[in-house]
Every structure is written in structure tokens, then in C-alpha cells.
Amino acid sequence: MRIDAILPTFNRANLVVKALESAFAAAVPTGCEVRFLVIDNNSRDETREVIAACGQAHQGEITYLFEPRQGRHHALNNGIARSTADIVAFFDDDERLPPNWFQVIAEAFQDEAVDYIAGPVRPDWRAPAPPWLPRDSYGGVLGIIDNGTERRRYGASGFMGMPTGGNFAIRKSVLDRCGPYSPEFMYGEDRYMYDQLNKLDAAGFYLPELFIYHLIPLKRLQKAYFRRWAYTEGRNRGKLERQAHWTPGSMLGAPLWKWRQVAEAVGTILASPLRRKRDDPGRFKAELDVIQFLGYYGGRNLRFIKDRYVDRA
């Protein structure tokens, strides 16, 4: 079995080295061959040099690729186009692989009924979690994924999980059928890919043993970061629905349940005492719900609003 591990990076020379070190420390199962496709997404730091140094230390195991078009979706598509392996695995430059990551992947794909897999993303906190951090929601802002300790099939009744590109592996044959990431969705690439896989009725599974560690820096623990994320996430959901011509029961360009959700959020904000405004996680969640709705509405209905690149590091 041949595995191509795709690693996109942008201006994180200090982090991508650590990610690669963890990857080379991970065991390669007997009968498997692993190659790393590292895509430099137009970095302006020492990324090219540090990857070249890693390549010299690990001859033949690293392929350096340069992608001038800004955006993770472009970087991923560059790597996918160059992949010739049986299995394509994805992880990010701010993540660390556990020693058994490739072992779990190899064992999972021994089952021919498995088309793709994903798993938990565990936080590596570099600063204390702030008191305003929403509880049981918006974990995606920090890249934290925890769908429990049981193996589940994606799309099964009662399971709302979705695979994300930070800890994901798929058969190349399936990836070729569903196509690359869409160039239209700068920040919604994971949701777009999941929609494409569902259209194929591909069999994907959440595996609790396929975990990975994700760095949570202080930069991400800022309210401004959460607000930007909520807007872009909402906008891309709206664009996806517009592209799919989805027409649920709606009013003024949005489903009725979304109007109810945003109305409840506004009510929470207005009802919150001023003294709790700064650190109340419930109030901040409501604020994010409103921002996400605004992004959704613009993405679905206001085509004249253009996307702009925002560094999500």
C-alpha cells in the first residue's frame, strides 16, 4: 500500500518542521510506502529552505511543491494532482502526528468497503482557554474535533460529524471520482468535499483511534479571530446552498429555522446583563450566531460581495 501524505503550509517555517518531525517519527507499517507532498502556498519566510533541509535528511520521502495561488484549497489541489498513491492522507502544518497514525490508516483501508476516514483533533493548548470561550459549540474555530469514542459512519442517522482536512485519509480512486476541492470556496473546502462524497454515497467512517494533535496558539484565542471565522464559515455555507440551488421553506432568502436561530441569538444578547457582556460564553456564542447568519445571508443572496483572503493561522 502506498500512502501520499499531503501537507500544505504558508509562512510557518518554524511549525512545518515540527509537523514533519512528528511525521517521520511515526511508524510506517510493514508493506507500506509513505511519501510526503509538502505544498508551499506562496510563503515569504524560510519555508522553502527548511523543507529543502528536511528533504536532504530524508532522501526521496519529501516532494516540495510550490503553489502561487493563495488559499488552502489551491494548495491541496496541487498536492492531489501530483499524488499517485493508493491512499491520500492530509494533515496540517500546525499539527503533530502520533506514532501510530499511519498504522491506523493502513489497517482501516484493509477493508475494501472503506472509502475514507477521519478522526479526532485534540487541542495542544499554548495558553489558558479564555472564560468567554463558547461551550459545546464553535469548536471548529480552534480545529478541535471530538465525536466520541465509538466508530461511526458519516451520514448515519443521529451522527452530525463531518470529516475535516486536518485529519483525513481517502482512497485516491474515490478522490478522483469526486474531483478536487472547488476553487470557489476559499474557506469551505471541507464542507464542499463532504458534500461531493455524499453525492457519491461514499462510505466514510469516524475512527476515534485516528487522532492528531493541533496547536492552539494565543492568536486564535481572541474574539476577533472567532468573529472572522464565524463570518467566513457562514458565508461559505450560504455559497454552497446557492450553488446547489437548495430551496427549503424560506423567507427573504434564508430558511425559517435560521431566522428563528438568529432571533433567539439577538434575544440572548439583549437579555444579557451588561456586567456579563465581556466574559459570558453564552452571550458571545449568540453574537457569533448573528455574525454567522450575516455571512450566510450574504453568501447565499448577495453575489456582488467578493471573497478576500484572510490568514486563518
Foldseek 3Di string as FASTA:
>chain_A
DEEEEEEEDAQCLVQLLQQVVLVVLADADPPYHYAYEYEYAQHDDCNVVSQVVVCVVVPPRYDYHYHPDDFPLSRQVVSLVPDDGQKYAYAYSQWGFHNCQNVVVVVVVVPVLAFKEFEFEAEDEPDDQALQAAPPDPPVLQPGDDQDQDKDKPPPPPRPDFHDRNGMMGGSVLCVVLDGFDPQQRPCRRVSSRVSCVVVVRTYMYHHVNYIYGYRDPVSSDLVSLLVVLLSVLLRVLLVCQVVVDDDCPDPQGHPVLVVLLVVLVVVLVPDDPVCVPRHNSNSVSVSSNSSNVSNSCNNPVVVDDDDDDDSD
